[in-house]
């Protein structure tokens, strides 16, 4: 199975990573980090290219 990795997310496609980022930015998917009192850490912008899955390298 191929995976796309970006920041702290691992997904199956560029679109899935983009959705993870949008959910993080909107605060709709991820819960509160216990013990952290600061504002949410903003995710970096997606690169200007399409993220490509990588297969397993042996």
PDB file of N, CA and C in Angstrom:
ATOM      1  N   UNK A   1       0.842  -1.177   0.000  1.00  0.00           N
ATOM      2  CA  UNK A   1       0.000   0.000   0.000  1.00  0.00           C
ATOM      3  C   UNK A   1       0.890   1.245   0.000  1.00  0.00           C
ATOM      4  N   UNK A   2       0.562   2.189  -0.826  1.00  0.00           N
ATOM      5  CA  UNK A   2       1.322   3.429  -0.907  1.00  0.00           C
ATOM      6  C   UNK A   2       0.830   4.423   0.128  1.00  0.00           C
ATOM      7  N   UNK A   3       1.728   5.263   0.570  1.00  0.00           N
ATOM      8  CA  UNK A   3       1.401   6.264   1.581  1.00  0.00           C
ATOM      9  C   UNK A   3       1.933   7.628   1.164  1.00  0.00           C
ATOM     10  N   UNK A   4       1.220   8.650   1.596  1.00  0.00           N
ATOM     11  CA  UNK A   4       1.657  10.028   1.419  1.00  0.00           C
ATOM     12  C   UNK A   4       1.884  10.576   2.825  1.00  0.00           C
ATOM     13  N   UNK A   5       3.054  11.152   3.068  1.00  0.00           N
ATOM     14  CA  UNK A   5       3.366  11.715   4.371  1.00  0.00           C
ATOM     15  C   UNK A   5       3.596  13.204   4.227  1.00  0.00           C
ATOM     16  N   UNK A   6       2.953  13.977   5.102  1.00  0.00           N
ATOM     17  CA  UNK A   6       3.147  15.425   5.119  1.00  0.00           C
ATOM     18  C   UNK A   6       2.922  15.911   6.537  1.00  0.00           C
ATOM     19  N   UNK A   7       3.875  16.661   7.056  1.00  0.00           N
ATOM     20  CA  UNK A   7       3.850  17.207   8.414  1.00  0.00           C
ATOM     21  C   UNK A   7       3.635  16.063   9.390  1.00  0.00           C
ATOM     22  N   UNK A   8       2.518  15.997  10.100  1.00  0.00           N
ATOM     23  CA  UNK A   8       2.301  14.882  11.028  1.00  0.00           C
ATOM     24  C   UNK A   8       1.162  13.975  10.563  1.00  0.00           C
ATOM     25  N   UNK A   9       0.887  13.972   9.273  1.00  0.00           N
ATOM     26  CA  UNK A   9      -0.196  13.147   8.733  1.00  0.00           C
ATOM     27  C   UNK A   9       0.349  12.102   7.774  1.00  0.00           C
ATOM     28  N   UNK A  10      -0.307  10.967   7.775  1.00  0.00           N
ATOM     29  CA  UNK A  10      -0.010   9.906   6.816  1.00  0.00           C
ATOM     30  C   UNK A  10      -1.332   9.546   6.159  1.00  0.00           C
ATOM     31  N   UNK A  11      -1.392   9.652   4.838  1.00  0.00           N
ATOM     32  CA  UNK A  11      -2.628   9.378   4.124  1.00  0.00           C
ATOM     33  C   UNK A  11      -2.389   8.532   2.891  1.00  0.00           C
ATOM     34  N   UNK A  12      -3.444   8.327   2.131  1.00  0.00           N
ATOM     35  CA  UNK A  12      -3.363   7.519   0.913  1.00  0.00           C
ATOM     36  C   UNK A  12      -3.257   8.352  -0.351  1.00  0.00           C
ATOM     37  N   UNK A  13      -3.529   9.672  -0.237  1.00  0.00           N
ATOM     38  CA  UNK A  13      -3.512  10.518  -1.431  1.00  0.00           C
ATOM     39  C   UNK A  13      -3.286  11.976  -1.041  1.00  0.00           C
ATOM     40  N   UNK A  14      -2.972  12.778  -2.027  1.00  0.00           N
ATOM     41  CA  UNK A  14      -2.834  14.223  -1.828  1.00  0.00           C
ATOM     42  C   UNK A  14      -4.139  14.800  -1.288  1.00  0.00           C
ATOM     43  N   UNK A  15      -5.240  14.349  -1.850  1.00  0.00           N
ATOM     44  CA  UNK A  15      -6.552  14.857  -1.448  1.00  0.00           C
ATOM     45  C   UNK A  15      -6.856  14.540   0.020  1.00  0.00           C
ATOM     46  N   UNK A  16      -6.466  13.357   0.456  1.00  0.00           N
ATOM     47  CA  UNK A  16      -6.694  12.992   1.850  1.00  0.00           C
ATOM     48  C   UNK A  16      -5.854  13.872   2.784  1.00  0.00           C
ATOM     49  N   UNK A  17      -4.612  14.115   2.427  1.00  0.00           N
ATOM     50  CA  UNK A  17      -3.752  14.997   3.222  1.00  0.00           C
ATOM     51  C   UNK A  17      -4.325  16.410   3.240  1.00  0.00           C
ATOM     52  N   UNK A  18      -4.810  16.889   2.102  1.00  0.00           N
ATOM     53  CA  UNK A  18      -5.419  18.225   2.042  1.00  0.00           C
ATOM     54  C   UNK A  18      -6.631  18.301   2.970  1.00  0.00           C
ATOM     55  N   UNK A  19      -7.420  17.232   3.040  1.00  0.00           N
ATOM     56  CA  UNK A  19      -8.574  17.201   3.941  1.00  0.00           C
ATOM     57  C   UNK A  19      -8.126  17.194   5.394  1.00  0.00           C
ATOM     58  N   UNK A  20      -7.079  16.423   5.719  1.00  0.00           N
ATOM     59  CA  UNK A  20      -6.539  16.409   7.084  1.00  0.00           C
ATOM     60  C   UNK A  20      -6.116  17.817   7.486  1.00  0.00           C
ATOM     61  N   UNK A  21      -5.432  18.509   6.581  1.00  0.00           N
ATOM     62  CA  UNK A  21      -4.960  19.865   6.869  1.00  0.00           C
ATOM     63  C   UNK A  21      -6.135  20.816   7.088  1.00  0.00           C
ATOM     64  N   UNK A  22      -7.133  20.726   6.238  1.00  0.00           N
ATOM     65  CA  UNK A  22      -8.316  21.582   6.379  1.00  0.00           C
ATOM     66  C   UNK A  22      -9.022  21.311   7.712  1.00  0.00           C
ATOM     67  N   UNK A  23      -9.161  20.036   8.059  1.00  0.00           N
ATOM     68  CA  UNK A  23      -9.796  19.675   9.327  1.00  0.00           C
ATOM     69  C   UNK A  23      -8.992  20.207  10.512  1.00  0.00           C
ATOM     70  N   UNK A  24      -7.667  20.132  10.431  1.00  0.00           N
ATOM     71  CA  UNK A  24      -6.806  20.650  11.498  1.00  0.00           C
ATOM     72  C   UNK A  24      -6.988  22.163  11.627  1.00  0.00           C
ATOM     73  N   UNK A  25      -6.967  22.849  10.503  1.00  0.00           N
ATOM     74  CA  UNK A  25      -7.099  24.305  10.493  1.00  0.00           C
ATOM     75  C   UNK A  25      -8.450  24.746  11.047  1.00  0.00           C
ATOM     76  N   UNK A  26      -9.507  24.024  10.701  1.00  0.00           N
ATOM     77  CA  UNK A  26     -10.858  24.372  11.150  1.00  0.00           C
ATOM     78  C   UNK A  26     -11.173  23.863  12.555  1.00  0.00           C
ATOM     79  N   UNK A  27     -10.306  23.014  13.099  1.00  0.00           N
ATOM     80  CA  UNK A  27     -10.533  22.469  14.435  1.00  0.00           C
ATOM     81  C   UNK A  27     -11.679  21.481  14.507  1.00  0.00           C
ATOM     82  N   UNK A  28     -11.980  20.806  13.382  1.00  0.00           N
ATOM     83  CA  UNK A  28     -13.148  19.928  13.337  1.00  0.00           C
ATOM     84  C   UNK A  28     -12.847  18.438  13.510  1.00  0.00           C
ATOM     85  N   UNK A  29     -11.598  18.041  13.446  1.00  0.00           N
ATOM     86  CA  UNK A  29     -11.315  16.608  13.443  1.00  0.00           C
ATOM     87  C   UNK A  29     -10.526  16.124  14.661  1.00  0.00           C
ATOM     88  N   UNK A  30      -9.648  16.935  15.155  1.00  0.00           N
ATOM     89  CA  UNK A  30      -8.693  16.502  16.173  1.00  0.00           C
ATOM     90  C   UNK A  30      -9.050  17.085  17.534  1.00  0.00           C
ATOM     91  N   UNK A  31      -8.852  16.303  18.550  1.00  0.00           N
ATOM     92  CA  UNK A  31      -9.201  16.721  19.901  1.00  0.00           C
ATOM     93  C   UNK A  31      -8.155  17.630  20.533  1.00  0.00           C
ATOM     94  N   UNK A  32      -8.436  17.997  21.756  1.00  0.00           N
ATOM     95  CA  UNK A  32      -7.565  18.859  22.543  1.00  0.00           C
ATOM     96  C   UNK A  32      -6.330  18.083  22.990  1.00  0.00           C
ATOM     97  N   UNK A  33      -5.194  18.765  23.035  1.00  0.00           N
ATOM     98  CA  UNK A  33      -3.970  18.167  23.555  1.00  0.00           C
ATOM     99  C   UNK A  33      -3.915  18.496  25.042  1.00  0.00           C
ATOM    100  N   UNK A  34      -4.054  17.501  25.862  1.00  0.00           N
ATOM    101  CA  UNK A  34      -4.062  17.699  27.317  1.00  0.00           C
ATOM    102  C   UNK A  34      -2.701  18.220  27.778  1.00  0.00           C
ATOM    103  N   UNK A  35      -2.728  19.225  28.634  1.00  0.00           N
ATOM    104  CA  UNK A  35      -1.498  19.785  29.178  1.00  0.00           C
ATOM    105  C   UNK A  35      -0.885  20.886  28.335  1.00  0.00           C
ATOM    106  N   UNK A  36      -1.442  21.159  27.168  1.00  0.00           N
ATOM    107  CA  UNK A  36      -0.939  22.238  26.306  1.00  0.00           C
ATOM    108  C   UNK A  36      -1.945  23.373  26.363  1.00  0.00           C
ATOM    109  N   UNK A  37      -1.493  24.547  26.843  1.00  0.00           N
ATOM    110  CA  UNK A  37      -2.400  25.676  27.038  1.00  0.00           C
ATOM    111  C   UNK A  37      -2.352  26.719  25.930  1.00  0.00           C
ATOM    112  N   UNK A  38      -1.473  26.550  24.971  1.00  0.00           N
ATOM    113  CA  UNK A  38      -1.339  27.541  23.907  1.00  0.00           C
ATOM    114  C   UNK A  38      -2.350  27.345  22.792  1.00  0.00           C
ATOM    115  N   UNK A  39      -2.299  28.232  21.816  1.00  0.00           N
ATOM    116  CA  UNK A  39      -3.187  28.104  20.661  1.00  0.00           C
ATOM    117  C   UNK A  39      -2.754  26.916  19.791  1.00  0.00           C
ATOM    118  N   UNK A  40      -3.636  26.427  18.939  1.00  0.00           N
ATOM    119  CA  UNK A  40      -3.243  25.337  18.039  1.00  0.00           C
ATOM    120  C   UNK A  40      -2.051  25.752  17.166  1.00  0.00           C
ATOM    121  N   UNK A  41      -1.159  24.831  16.952  1.00  0.00           N
ATOM    122  CA  UNK A  41      -0.007  25.093  16.091  1.00  0.00           C
ATOM    123  C   UNK A  41      -0.496  25.054  14.651  1.00  0.00           C
ATOM    124  N   UNK A  42      -0.256  26.117  13.877  1.00  0.00           N
ATOM    125  CA  UNK A  42      -0.732  26.105  12.490  1.00  0.00           C
ATOM    126  C   UNK A  42       0.063  25.105  11.647  1.00  0.00           C
ATOM    127  N   UNK A  43      -0.629  24.438  10.764  1.00  0.00           N
ATOM    128  CA  UNK A  43       0.068  23.509   9.875  1.00  0.00           C
ATOM    129  C   UNK A  43       0.735  24.299   8.758  1.00  0.00           C
ATOM    130  N   UNK A  44       1.819  23.769   8.223  1.00  0.00           N
ATOM    131  CA  UNK A  44       2.440  24.441   7.085  1.00  0.00           C
ATOM    132  C   UNK A  44       1.538  24.349   5.852  1.00  0.00           C
ATOM    133  N   UNK A  45       1.732  25.268   4.944  1.00  0.00           N
ATOM    134  CA  UNK A  45       0.985  25.236   3.680  1.00  0.00           C
ATOM    135  C   UNK A  45       1.396  23.999   2.887  1.00  0.00           C
ATOM    136  N   UNK A  46       0.465  23.479   2.132  1.00  0.00           N
ATOM    137  CA  UNK A  46       0.810  22.371   1.240  1.00  0.00           C
ATOM    138  C   UNK A  46       1.769  22.876   0.175  1.00  0.00           C
ATOM    139  N   UNK A  47       2.676  22.038  -0.289  1.00  0.00           N
ATOM    140  CA  UNK A  47       3.598  22.470  -1.337  1.00  0.00           C
ATOM    141  C   UNK A  47       2.843  22.771  -2.632  1.00  0.00           C
ATOM    142  N   UNK A  48       3.446  23.546  -3.525  1.00  0.00           N
ATOM    143  CA  UNK A  48       2.767  23.903  -4.772  1.00  0.00           C
ATOM    144  C   UNK A  48       2.666  22.747  -5.776  1.00  0.00           C
ATOM    145  N   UNK A  49       3.166  21.596  -5.404  1.00  0.00           N
ATOM    146  CA  UNK A  49       3.081  20.419  -6.273  1.00  0.00           C
ATOM    147  C   UNK A  49       2.131  19.397  -5.660  1.00  0.00           C
ATOM    148  N   UNK A  50       1.720  18.443  -6.466  1.00  0.00           N
ATOM    149  CA  UNK A  50       0.832  17.371  -6.011  1.00  0.00           C
ATOM    150  C   UNK A  50       1.656  16.359  -5.227  1.00  0.00           C
ATOM    151  N   UNK A  51       1.226  16.030  -4.009  1.00  0.00           N
ATOM    152  CA  UNK A  51       1.927  15.022  -3.215  1.00  0.00           C
ATOM    153  C   UNK A  51       1.712  13.652  -3.845  1.00  0.00           C
ATOM    154  N   UNK A  52       2.793  12.893  -3.974  1.00  0.00           N
ATOM    155  CA  UNK A  52       2.706  11.580  -4.614  1.00  0.00           C
ATOM    156  C   UNK A  52       2.941  10.476  -3.599  1.00  0.00           C
ATOM    157  N   UNK A  53       2.125   9.424  -3.662  1.00  0.00           N
ATOM    158  CA  UNK A  53       2.356   8.290  -2.765  1.00  0.00           C
ATOM    159  C   UNK A  53       3.666   7.592  -3.113  1.00  0.00           C
ATOM    160  N   UNK A  54       4.276   7.031  -2.101  1.00  0.00           N
ATOM    161  CA  UNK A  54       5.482   6.247  -2.316  1.00  0.00           C
ATOM    162  C   UNK A  54       5.215   4.827  -1.869  1.00  0.00           C
ATOM    163  N   UNK A  55       5.651   3.909  -2.669  1.00  0.00           N
ATOM    164  CA  UNK A  55       5.526   2.507  -2.287  1.00  0.00           C
ATOM    165  C   UNK A  55       6.646   2.125  -1.343  1.00  0.00           C
ATOM    166  N   UNK A  56       6.583   0.937  -0.893  1.00  0.00           N
ATOM    167  CA  UNK A  56       7.604   0.431   0.011  1.00  0.00           C
ATOM    168  C   UNK A  56       8.904   0.205  -0.739  1.00  0.00           C
ATOM    169  N   UNK A  57       9.997   0.668  -0.179  1.00  0.00           N
ATOM    170  CA  UNK A  57      11.310   0.487  -0.806  1.00  0.00           C
ATOM    171  C   UNK A  57      12.033  -0.630  -0.077  1.00  0.00           C
ATOM    172  N   UNK A  58      12.530  -1.581  -0.841  1.00  0.00           N
ATOM    173  CA  UNK A  58      13.268  -2.707  -0.239  1.00  0.00           C
ATOM    174  C   UNK A  58      14.666  -2.741  -0.774  1.00  0.00           C
TER     175      UNK A  58
END
